[in-house]
Amino acid sequence: MNEEILTPVLDWLDIAGVAIFALTGALVAAKERQTFVTLVFFSLITGVGGGTIRDLLIGAPVFWIADPWVAATCLGIALFAWFTPTRWWEGRFLSIADGLGLAAYAVLGTAKSLQYGVPPVPAVLMGVITGCVGGIIRDVIAGRPSILMRPELYVTAAALSASLTVLGALAGIESWYVWIGATIAGFGLRLAAIRFNLALPSYTERGAAKD
């Protein structure tokens, strides 16, 4: 797939990723019984946070400033959340939606970074940043425990999707197959982590005195 086709595809995927993350942000504000203005703010900051930092780091135009549809999408998502009862979103919906956005956005961030000439390893890191930072900002502002501090795998799922995107690009595999496969892999790992509480080993003091 040539660059002329890739660019608009990535733009549309950017908006799709924004919509998923914006929904998680708006729903957090809704569950806290906040005003509509707060819902819009959470929707925007969650939707564009990771992509904004990515674009600043790789020297790309900040996507939501250059594309008027992004902010409009966040506003529309906030409206949607405002007019729907919170009972619709009970259970693990937020975690599952966030996991889908995490994987898809990690793939998008990596693919866009590669397109801008970023080397493979930094491109993986850009994918992780794209997928994770919006949710981190959302949780910090809401006063919730950060996603980084949760026991089950989160950043690892983003890293998996980002790494598979780079490996697929290096192998010359058709971009669509790589993106779909990498998204499914990261999302699947995140779902497994939620369902089975999968986690990496935590740090322990090696030199601590024993009783």
Protein backbone atom coordinates (compact mmCIF):
# COMPACT_ATOMS: atom_id res chain seq x y z
CA MET A 1 0.00 0.00 0.00
CA ASN A 2 1.61 3.27 -1.07
CA GLU A 3 2.04 6.38 1.06
CA GLU A 4 -0.73 8.31 -0.73
CA ILE A 5 -3.24 5.69 0.41
CA LEU A 6 -1.72 5.17 3.86
CA THR A 7 -1.98 8.82 4.92
CA PRO A 8 -5.79 9.18 4.73
CA VAL A 9 -6.22 5.70 6.19
CA LEU A 10 -4.12 6.67 9.21
CA ASP A 11 -6.10 9.89 9.54
CA TRP A 12 -9.37 7.99 9.71
CA LEU A 13 -7.91 5.49 12.15
CA ASP A 14 -6.76 8.42 14.26
CA ILE A 15 -10.35 9.66 14.51
CA ALA A 16 -11.60 6.16 15.35
CA GLY A 17 -9.03 5.83 18.13
CA VAL A 18 -9.93 9.28 19.41
CA ALA A 19 -13.61 8.33 19.54
CA ILE A 20 -12.96 5.22 21.64
CA PHE A 21 -10.72 7.02 24.12
CA ALA A 22 -12.97 10.08 24.19
CA LEU A 23 -15.86 7.83 25.23
CA THR A 24 -13.89 6.41 28.15
CA GLY A 25 -13.00 9.93 29.27
CA ALA A 26 -16.55 11.22 29.01
CA LEU A 27 -17.92 8.22 30.89
CA VAL A 28 -15.47 8.72 33.75
CA ALA A 29 -16.73 12.31 34.12
CA ALA A 30 -20.35 11.13 33.82
CA LYS A 31 -19.91 8.56 36.57
CA GLU A 32 -18.54 11.34 38.77
CA ARG A 33 -21.75 13.38 38.09
CA GLN A 34 -19.83 16.23 36.47
CA THR A 35 -21.16 19.02 34.22
CA PHE A 36 -21.37 18.80 30.45
CA VAL A 37 -18.36 21.11 30.12
CA THR A 38 -16.34 18.67 32.22
CA LEU A 39 -17.51 15.78 30.05
CA VAL A 40 -16.29 17.63 26.96
CA PHE A 41 -12.95 18.38 28.61
CA PHE A 42 -12.41 14.76 29.66
CA SER A 43 -13.50 13.55 26.25
CA LEU A 44 -11.00 15.83 24.49
CA ILE A 45 -8.04 15.34 26.81
CA THR A 46 -8.41 11.56 26.83
CA GLY A 47 -8.96 11.35 23.10
CA VAL A 48 -6.05 13.51 21.96
CA GLY A 49 -3.54 13.31 24.83
CA GLY A 50 -1.37 10.49 23.54
CA GLY A 51 -1.55 11.52 19.89
CA THR A 52 -0.60 15.10 20.75
CA ILE A 53 2.59 14.07 22.51
CA ARG A 54 3.40 11.64 19.69
CA ASP A 55 3.05 14.33 17.03
CA LEU A 56 5.15 16.81 18.99
CA LEU A 57 7.92 14.24 19.42
CA ILE A 58 8.05 13.05 15.81
CA GLY A 59 7.75 16.54 14.31
CA ALA A 60 4.31 16.04 12.76
CA PRO A 61 1.52 18.64 12.71
CA VAL A 62 -0.58 18.10 15.84
CA PHE A 63 -3.38 16.05 14.35
CA TRP A 64 -6.38 17.48 16.18
CA ILE A 65 -5.39 21.06 15.39
CA ALA A 66 -4.86 20.30 11.71
CA ASP A 67 -8.04 18.20 11.43
CA PRO A 68 -11.28 19.94 12.51
CA TRP A 69 -13.14 16.63 12.70
CA VAL A 70 -11.20 15.44 15.76
CA ALA A 71 -12.47 18.07 18.21
CA ALA A 72 -15.95 17.72 16.68
CA THR A 73 -15.79 13.97 17.29
CA CYS A 74 -14.90 14.52 20.95
CA LEU A 75 -17.81 16.95 21.32
CA GLY A 76 -20.18 14.44 19.71
CA ILE A 77 -18.97 11.67 22.00
CA ALA A 78 -19.48 13.91 25.03
CA LEU A 79 -23.04 14.62 23.88
CA PHE A 80 -23.65 10.92 23.43
CA ALA A 81 -22.39 10.17 26.95
CA TRP A 82 -24.42 13.07 28.38
CA PHE A 83 -27.71 11.73 27.02
CA THR A 84 -27.20 8.08 27.94
CA PRO A 85 -27.74 6.60 31.42
CA THR A 86 -24.59 5.48 33.21
CA ARG A 87 -26.18 2.08 33.90
CA TRP A 88 -25.54 1.27 30.23
CA TRP A 89 -21.84 1.32 30.97
CA GLU A 90 -21.69 -0.67 34.19
CA GLY A 91 -19.35 -3.61 34.66
CA ARG A 92 -16.15 -3.93 32.69
CA PHE A 93 -17.26 -1.94 29.66
CA LEU A 94 -14.88 0.94 30.37
CA SER A 95 -11.91 -1.39 30.74
CA ILE A 96 -12.79 -3.30 27.59
CA ALA A 97 -13.36 -0.14 25.52
CA ASP A 98 -10.14 1.31 26.89
CA GLY A 99 -8.32 -1.90 25.95
CA LEU A 100 -9.55 -1.71 22.36
CA GLY A 101 -8.53 1.92 22.11
CA LEU A 102 -5.16 1.08 23.66
CA ALA A 103 -4.32 -1.58 21.09
CA ALA A 104 -5.67 0.31 18.07
CA TYR A 105 -4.00 3.56 19.07
CA ALA A 106 -0.67 1.83 19.75
CA VAL A 107 -0.77 0.43 16.21
CA LEU A 108 -1.73 3.80 14.78
CA GLY A 109 0.99 5.67 16.67
CA THR A 110 3.63 3.20 15.56
CA ALA A 111 2.51 3.22 11.92
CA LYS A 112 2.43 7.01 11.79
CA SER A 113 5.87 7.24 13.40
CA LEU A 114 7.32 4.82 10.84
CA GLN A 115 5.76 6.89 8.08
CA TYR A 116 7.59 9.94 9.43
CA GLY A 117 10.91 8.11 9.30
CA VAL A 118 11.22 7.25 13.00
CA PRO A 119 13.51 4.19 13.54
CA PRO A 120 11.89 0.92 14.69
CA VAL A 121 12.60 1.02 18.45
CA PRO A 122 11.56 4.68 18.95
CA ALA A 123 8.52 3.97 16.77
CA VAL A 124 7.46 1.25 19.22
CA LEU A 125 7.83 3.72 22.08
CA MET A 126 5.76 6.27 20.16
CA GLY A 127 3.05 3.63 19.81
CA VAL A 128 3.08 2.96 23.54
CA ILE A 129 2.91 6.69 24.29
CA THR A 130 0.04 7.14 21.85
CA GLY A 131 -1.92 4.33 23.44
CA CYS A 132 -1.26 5.05 27.11
CA VAL A 133 -0.87 8.77 27.75
CA GLY A 134 -4.48 9.84 27.19
CA GLY A 135 -5.70 7.35 29.78
CA ILE A 136 -2.98 8.37 32.21
CA ILE A 137 -3.99 12.04 31.95
CA ARG A 138 -7.66 11.09 32.38
CA ASP A 139 -7.00 9.11 35.55
CA VAL A 140 -4.68 11.70 37.09
CA ILE A 141 -7.14 14.56 36.57
CA ALA A 142 -10.05 12.44 37.83
CA GLY A 143 -8.10 11.50 40.95
CA ARG A 144 -8.36 7.81 40.13
CA PRO A 145 -5.59 5.22 40.51
CA SER A 146 -3.50 5.50 37.35
CA ILE A 147 -3.68 2.74 34.77
CA LEU A 148 0.08 2.40 35.22
CA MET A 149 -0.45 1.37 38.85
CA ARG A 150 -2.98 -1.36 38.14
CA PRO A 151 -1.67 -4.89 38.61
CA GLU A 152 -2.84 -6.43 35.33
CA LEU A 153 -0.99 -5.98 32.04
CA TYR A 154 -1.64 -2.65 30.29
CA VAL A 155 1.48 -1.03 28.89
CA THR A 156 2.65 -4.53 27.88
CA ALA A 157 -0.43 -4.91 25.67
CA ALA A 158 0.34 -1.61 23.95
CA ALA A 159 3.98 -2.66 23.53
CA LEU A 160 2.88 -5.94 21.94
CA SER A 161 0.70 -4.18 19.36
CA ALA A 162 3.41 -1.62 18.63
CA SER A 163 6.14 -4.26 18.30
CA LEU A 164 4.08 -6.40 15.93
CA THR A 165 3.40 -3.33 13.79
CA VAL A 166 7.13 -2.67 13.44
CA LEU A 167 7.97 -6.33 12.79
CA GLY A 168 5.28 -6.57 10.14
CA ALA A 169 6.57 -3.42 8.44
CA LEU A 170 10.15 -4.71 8.49
CA ALA A 171 8.97 -8.02 7.02
CA GLY A 172 7.17 -6.21 4.21
CA ILE A 173 3.76 -7.64 5.05
CA GLU A 174 0.70 -5.84 3.70
CA SER A 175 -0.10 -2.99 6.10
CA TRP A 176 -3.77 -3.88 6.55
CA TYR A 177 -2.95 -7.40 7.72
CA VAL A 178 -0.29 -6.12 10.08
CA TRP A 179 -2.54 -3.46 11.62
CA ILE A 180 -5.47 -5.81 12.10
CA GLY A 181 -3.32 -8.62 13.50
CA ALA A 182 -1.40 -6.29 15.84
CA THR A 183 -4.61 -4.72 17.14
CA ILE A 184 -6.21 -8.11 17.78
CA ALA A 185 -3.08 -9.37 19.54
CA GLY A 186 -2.80 -6.37 21.87
CA PHE A 187 -6.54 -6.28 22.56
CA GLY A 188 -6.57 -10.03 23.21
CA LEU A 189 -3.73 -9.72 25.71
CA ARG A 190 -5.50 -6.84 27.46
CA LEU A 191 -8.76 -8.83 27.65
CA ALA A 192 -6.89 -11.83 29.06
CA ALA A 193 -5.21 -9.56 31.61
CA ILE A 194 -8.62 -8.19 32.71
CA ARG A 195 -10.22 -11.64 32.85
CA PHE A 196 -7.41 -13.54 34.54
CA ASN A 197 -5.57 -10.68 36.34
CA LEU A 198 -2.40 -11.34 34.37
CA ALA A 199 0.52 -9.27 35.61
CA LEU A 200 4.29 -9.05 35.32
CA PRO A 201 6.36 -9.89 38.43
CA SER A 202 6.63 -6.90 40.76
CA TYR A 203 9.85 -5.48 42.11
CA THR A 204 11.18 -6.91 45.39
CA GLU A 205 14.19 -5.87 47.45
CA ARG A 206 16.93 -8.37 46.71
CA GLY A 207 19.13 -7.31 49.63
CA ALA A 208 16.49 -7.10 52.31
CA ALA A 209 17.46 -8.70 55.62
CA LYS A 210 15.66 -11.91 56.43
CA ASP A 211 14.07 -12.57 59.82
